[in-house]
Amino acid sequence: MKARELKDMSQTELSQKEKDLTEELFNLKFQHATGQLENTQRLPLVRRDLARVKTILREKVLAESQGR
């Protein structure tokens, strides 16, 4: 997911996206631990997307608190 797409989302949408990615990451880790994960490259991609979402969500919260 591109950062530009995330910046266009509202805080509510970003919070939901964060929840979805966290759940997906948990499921991927569980599959990896049990040996059922076929595409191991998905793990770092989901981690990266989750970090992007958290960063942009934090930027929006800070911008709102500063009155921008």
C-alpha atoms as a PDB file:
ATOM      1  CA  MET A   1       0.000   0.000   0.000  1.00  0.00           C
ATOM      2  CA  LYS A   2       1.302   3.422  -0.934  1.00  0.00           C
ATOM      3  CA  ALA A   3       1.718   6.184   1.636  1.00  0.00           C
ATOM      4  CA  ARG A   4      -0.147   8.574  -0.657  1.00  0.00           C
ATOM      5  CA  GLU A   5      -3.250   6.340  -0.510  1.00  0.00           C
ATOM      6  CA  LEU A   6      -3.049   6.244   3.273  1.00  0.00           C
ATOM      7  CA  LYS A   7      -2.737  10.018   3.615  1.00  0.00           C
ATOM      8  CA  ASP A   8      -6.031  10.406   1.764  1.00  0.00           C
ATOM      9  CA  MET A   9      -7.854   8.226   4.324  1.00  0.00           C
ATOM     10  CA  SER A  10      -9.623   9.575   7.405  1.00  0.00           C
ATOM     11  CA  GLN A  11      -8.523   8.751  10.938  1.00  0.00           C
ATOM     12  CA  THR A  12     -11.398   6.313  11.315  1.00  0.00           C
ATOM     13  CA  GLU A  13     -10.422   4.464   8.145  1.00  0.00           C
ATOM     14  CA  LEU A  14      -6.786   4.379   9.248  1.00  0.00           C
ATOM     15  CA  SER A  15      -7.751   2.968  12.647  1.00  0.00           C
ATOM     16  CA  GLN A  16      -9.771   0.237  10.954  1.00  0.00           C
ATOM     17  CA  LYS A  17      -6.896  -0.488   8.550  1.00  0.00           C
ATOM     18  CA  GLU A  18      -4.510  -0.736  11.516  1.00  0.00           C
ATOM     19  CA  LYS A  19      -6.841  -3.221  13.221  1.00  0.00           C
ATOM     20  CA  ASP A  20      -7.146  -5.308  10.039  1.00  0.00           C
ATOM     21  CA  LEU A  21      -3.381  -5.373   9.438  1.00  0.00           C
ATOM     22  CA  THR A  22      -2.682  -6.304  13.065  1.00  0.00           C
ATOM     23  CA  GLU A  23      -5.098  -9.202  12.789  1.00  0.00           C
ATOM     24  CA  GLU A  24      -3.600 -10.289   9.467  1.00  0.00           C
ATOM     25  CA  LEU A  25      -0.076 -10.136  10.911  1.00  0.00           C
ATOM     26  CA  PHE A  26      -1.148 -12.306  13.845  1.00  0.00           C
ATOM     27  CA  ASN A  27      -2.662 -14.871  11.482  1.00  0.00           C
ATOM     28  CA  LEU A  28       0.442 -14.885   9.279  1.00  0.00           C
ATOM     29  CA  LYS A  29       2.718 -15.381  12.295  1.00  0.00           C
ATOM     30  CA  PHE A  30       0.516 -18.223  13.495  1.00  0.00           C
ATOM     31  CA  GLN A  31       0.577 -19.890  10.067  1.00  0.00           C
ATOM     32  CA  HIS A  32       4.344 -19.443   9.884  1.00  0.00           C
ATOM     33  CA  ALA A  33       4.836 -21.023  13.311  1.00  0.00           C
ATOM     34  CA  THR A  34       2.713 -24.045  12.375  1.00  0.00           C
ATOM     35  CA  GLY A  35       4.373 -24.455   8.981  1.00  0.00           C
ATOM     36  CA  GLN A  36       1.259 -23.651   6.956  1.00  0.00           C
ATOM     37  CA  LEU A  37       2.445 -20.339   5.477  1.00  0.00           C
ATOM     38  CA  GLU A  38       3.199 -20.693   1.776  1.00  0.00           C
ATOM     39  CA  ASN A  39       4.137 -17.095   0.919  1.00  0.00           C
ATOM     40  CA  THR A  40       6.652 -16.032   3.574  1.00  0.00           C
ATOM     41  CA  GLN A  41       7.296 -12.740   1.779  1.00  0.00           C
ATOM     42  CA  ARG A  42       3.876 -11.537   2.968  1.00  0.00           C
ATOM     43  CA  LEU A  43       5.119 -11.141   6.574  1.00  0.00           C
ATOM     44  CA  PRO A  44       7.498  -8.203   6.003  1.00  0.00           C
ATOM     45  CA  LEU A  45       5.040  -6.559   3.614  1.00  0.00           C
ATOM     46  CA  VAL A  46       2.270  -6.564   6.206  1.00  0.00           C
ATOM     47  CA  ARG A  47       4.695  -5.311   8.882  1.00  0.00           C
ATOM     48  CA  ARG A  48       5.742  -2.447   6.617  1.00  0.00           C
ATOM     49  CA  ASP A  49       2.144  -1.533   5.783  1.00  0.00           C
ATOM     50  CA  LEU A  50       1.245  -1.583   9.472  1.00  0.00           C
ATOM     51  CA  ALA A  51       4.159   0.736  10.269  1.00  0.00           C
ATOM     52  CA  ARG A  52       3.058   3.112   7.490  1.00  0.00           C
ATOM     53  CA  VAL A  53      -0.496   3.197   8.807  1.00  0.00           C
ATOM     54  CA  LYS A  54       0.659   3.864  12.369  1.00  0.00           C
ATOM     55  CA  THR A  55       3.009   6.629  11.233  1.00  0.00           C
ATOM     56  CA  ILE A  56       0.401   8.436   9.163  1.00  0.00           C
ATOM     57  CA  LEU A  57      -2.234   8.020  11.871  1.00  0.00           C
ATOM     58  CA  ARG A  58       0.159   9.571  14.385  1.00  0.00           C
ATOM     59  CA  GLU A  59       0.929  12.447  12.000  1.00  0.00           C
ATOM     60  CA  LYS A  60      -2.792  13.157  11.656  1.00  0.00           C
ATOM     61  CA  VAL A  61      -3.340  13.079  15.421  1.00  0.00           C
ATOM     62  CA  LEU A  62      -0.433  15.473  16.000  1.00  0.00           C
ATOM     63  CA  ALA A  63      -1.579  17.811  13.233  1.00  0.00           C
ATOM     64  CA  GLU A  64      -5.078  17.879  14.726  1.00  0.00           C
ATOM     65  CA  SER A  65      -3.784  18.603  18.213  1.00  0.00           C
ATOM     66  CA  GLN A  66      -1.692  21.500  16.888  1.00  0.00           C
ATOM     67  CA  GLY A  67      -4.755  22.943  15.234  1.00  0.00           C
ATOM     68  CA  ARG A  68      -3.775  22.490  11.615  1.00  0.00           C
END
